[in-house]
Amino acid sequence: MAINKSILLIGLFCLALFVMSSEAADVVLLGPCDQFPDCNAACIAKGFQNGTCTKIGGGILGCYCATS
């Protein structure tokens, strides 16, 4: 019985984290900047406010679009 309550508690905790993280996200990764030479124009064309290339990791630049 205690195991079932623990699993339920962990599940609710994970759900709360998912909801909080999805609401906090104000940028969307469009893709690598080498595929979007004009990141800002690509983001605006897709309906976002603006876009910028930012280092993702390993030296790769990602085109991030602002949602607000």
C-alpha atoms as a PDB file:
ATOM      1  CA  MET A   1       0.000   0.000   0.000  1.00  0.00           C
ATOM      2  CA  ALA A   2       2.839   2.401   0.820  1.00  0.00           C
ATOM      3  CA  ILE A   3       4.417   1.646  -2.555  1.00  0.00           C
ATOM      4  CA  ASN A   4       1.218   2.656  -4.378  1.00  0.00           C
ATOM      5  CA  LYS A   5       1.097   5.971  -2.502  1.00  0.00           C
ATOM      6  CA  SER A   6       4.762   6.592  -3.282  1.00  0.00           C
ATOM      7  CA  ILE A   7       4.213   5.916  -6.985  1.00  0.00           C
ATOM      8  CA  LEU A   8       1.190   8.222  -7.010  1.00  0.00           C
ATOM      9  CA  LEU A   9       3.162  10.954  -5.264  1.00  0.00           C
ATOM     10  CA  ILE A  10       6.064  10.624  -7.707  1.00  0.00           C
ATOM     11  CA  GLY A  11       3.642  10.696 -10.651  1.00  0.00           C
ATOM     12  CA  LEU A  12       1.952  13.857  -9.397  1.00  0.00           C
ATOM     13  CA  PHE A  13       5.338  15.479  -8.787  1.00  0.00           C
ATOM     14  CA  CYS A  14       6.444  14.692 -12.361  1.00  0.00           C
ATOM     15  CA  LEU A  15       3.176  16.036 -13.749  1.00  0.00           C
ATOM     16  CA  ALA A  16       3.582  19.269 -11.789  1.00  0.00           C
ATOM     17  CA  LEU A  17       7.140  19.673 -13.086  1.00  0.00           C
ATOM     18  CA  PHE A  18       5.960  19.118 -16.656  1.00  0.00           C
ATOM     19  CA  VAL A  19       3.205  21.720 -16.369  1.00  0.00           C
ATOM     20  CA  MET A  20       5.516  24.273 -14.743  1.00  0.00           C
ATOM     21  CA  SER A  21       8.265  23.780 -17.325  1.00  0.00           C
ATOM     22  CA  SER A  22       5.897  24.023 -20.300  1.00  0.00           C
ATOM     23  CA  GLU A  23       4.440  27.296 -19.014  1.00  0.00           C
ATOM     24  CA  ALA A  24       7.880  28.749 -18.314  1.00  0.00           C
ATOM     25  CA  ALA A  25       9.208  28.072 -21.806  1.00  0.00           C
ATOM     26  CA  ASP A  26       9.194  31.286 -23.792  1.00  0.00           C
ATOM     27  CA  VAL A  27      11.503  30.142 -26.608  1.00  0.00           C
ATOM     28  CA  VAL A  28      11.243  27.368 -29.176  1.00  0.00           C
ATOM     29  CA  LEU A  29      14.209  25.733 -30.879  1.00  0.00           C
ATOM     30  CA  LEU A  30      13.597  25.930 -34.624  1.00  0.00           C
ATOM     31  CA  GLY A  31      16.739  24.010 -35.580  1.00  0.00           C
ATOM     32  CA  PRO A  32      20.448  24.461 -36.285  1.00  0.00           C
ATOM     33  CA  CYS A  33      21.421  27.926 -37.504  1.00  0.00           C
ATOM     34  CA  ASP A  34      23.194  26.478 -40.546  1.00  0.00           C
ATOM     35  CA  GLN A  35      19.730  25.439 -41.789  1.00  0.00           C
ATOM     36  CA  PHE A  36      18.305  28.905 -41.041  1.00  0.00           C
ATOM     37  CA  PRO A  37      20.881  31.505 -42.197  1.00  0.00           C
ATOM     38  CA  ASP A  38      18.476  34.341 -41.303  1.00  0.00           C
ATOM     39  CA  CYS A  39      17.105  32.990 -38.039  1.00  0.00           C
ATOM     40  CA  ASN A  40      15.119  36.123 -37.193  1.00  0.00           C
ATOM     41  CA  ALA A  41      13.319  36.176 -40.568  1.00  0.00           C
ATOM     42  CA  ALA A  42      12.597  32.424 -40.348  1.00  0.00           C
ATOM     43  CA  CYS A  43      11.039  32.817 -36.910  1.00  0.00           C
ATOM     44  CA  ILE A  44       8.947  35.819 -37.943  1.00  0.00           C
ATOM     45  CA  ALA A  45       7.748  33.915 -41.040  1.00  0.00           C
ATOM     46  CA  LYS A  46       6.556  31.105 -38.743  1.00  0.00           C
ATOM     47  CA  GLY A  47       4.580  33.545 -36.585  1.00  0.00           C
ATOM     48  CA  PHE A  48       7.031  34.096 -33.731  1.00  0.00           C
ATOM     49  CA  GLN A  49       8.017  37.501 -32.369  1.00  0.00           C
ATOM     50  CA  ASN A  50      11.735  37.220 -33.249  1.00  0.00           C
ATOM     51  CA  GLY A  51      14.620  34.786 -33.457  1.00  0.00           C
ATOM     52  CA  THR A  52      18.264  34.552 -32.533  1.00  0.00           C
ATOM     53  CA  CYS A  53      21.102  32.058 -32.866  1.00  0.00           C
ATOM     54  CA  THR A  54      22.390  30.798 -29.528  1.00  0.00           C
ATOM     55  CA  LYS A  55      24.973  28.156 -28.680  1.00  0.00           C
ATOM     56  CA  ILE A  56      23.279  24.832 -27.879  1.00  0.00           C
ATOM     57  CA  GLY A  57      26.315  22.762 -26.995  1.00  0.00           C
ATOM     58  CA  GLY A  58      29.275  21.198 -28.684  1.00  0.00           C
ATOM     59  CA  GLY A  59      29.808  24.386 -30.677  1.00  0.00           C
ATOM     60  CA  ILE A  60      26.450  24.069 -32.465  1.00  0.00           C
ATOM     61  CA  LEU A  61      24.336  27.192 -32.873  1.00  0.00           C
ATOM     62  CA  GLY A  62      20.576  26.798 -32.598  1.00  0.00           C
ATOM     63  CA  CYS A  63      17.923  29.133 -33.996  1.00  0.00           C
ATOM     64  CA  TYR A  64      15.634  30.012 -31.083  1.00  0.00           C
ATOM     65  CA  CYS A  65      12.297  31.736 -31.673  1.00  0.00           C
ATOM     66  CA  ALA A  66      10.648  33.870 -28.990  1.00  0.00           C
ATOM     67  CA  THR A  67       6.999  33.048 -28.273  1.00  0.00           C
ATOM     68  CA  SER A  68       6.297  36.208 -26.288  1.00  0.00           C
END
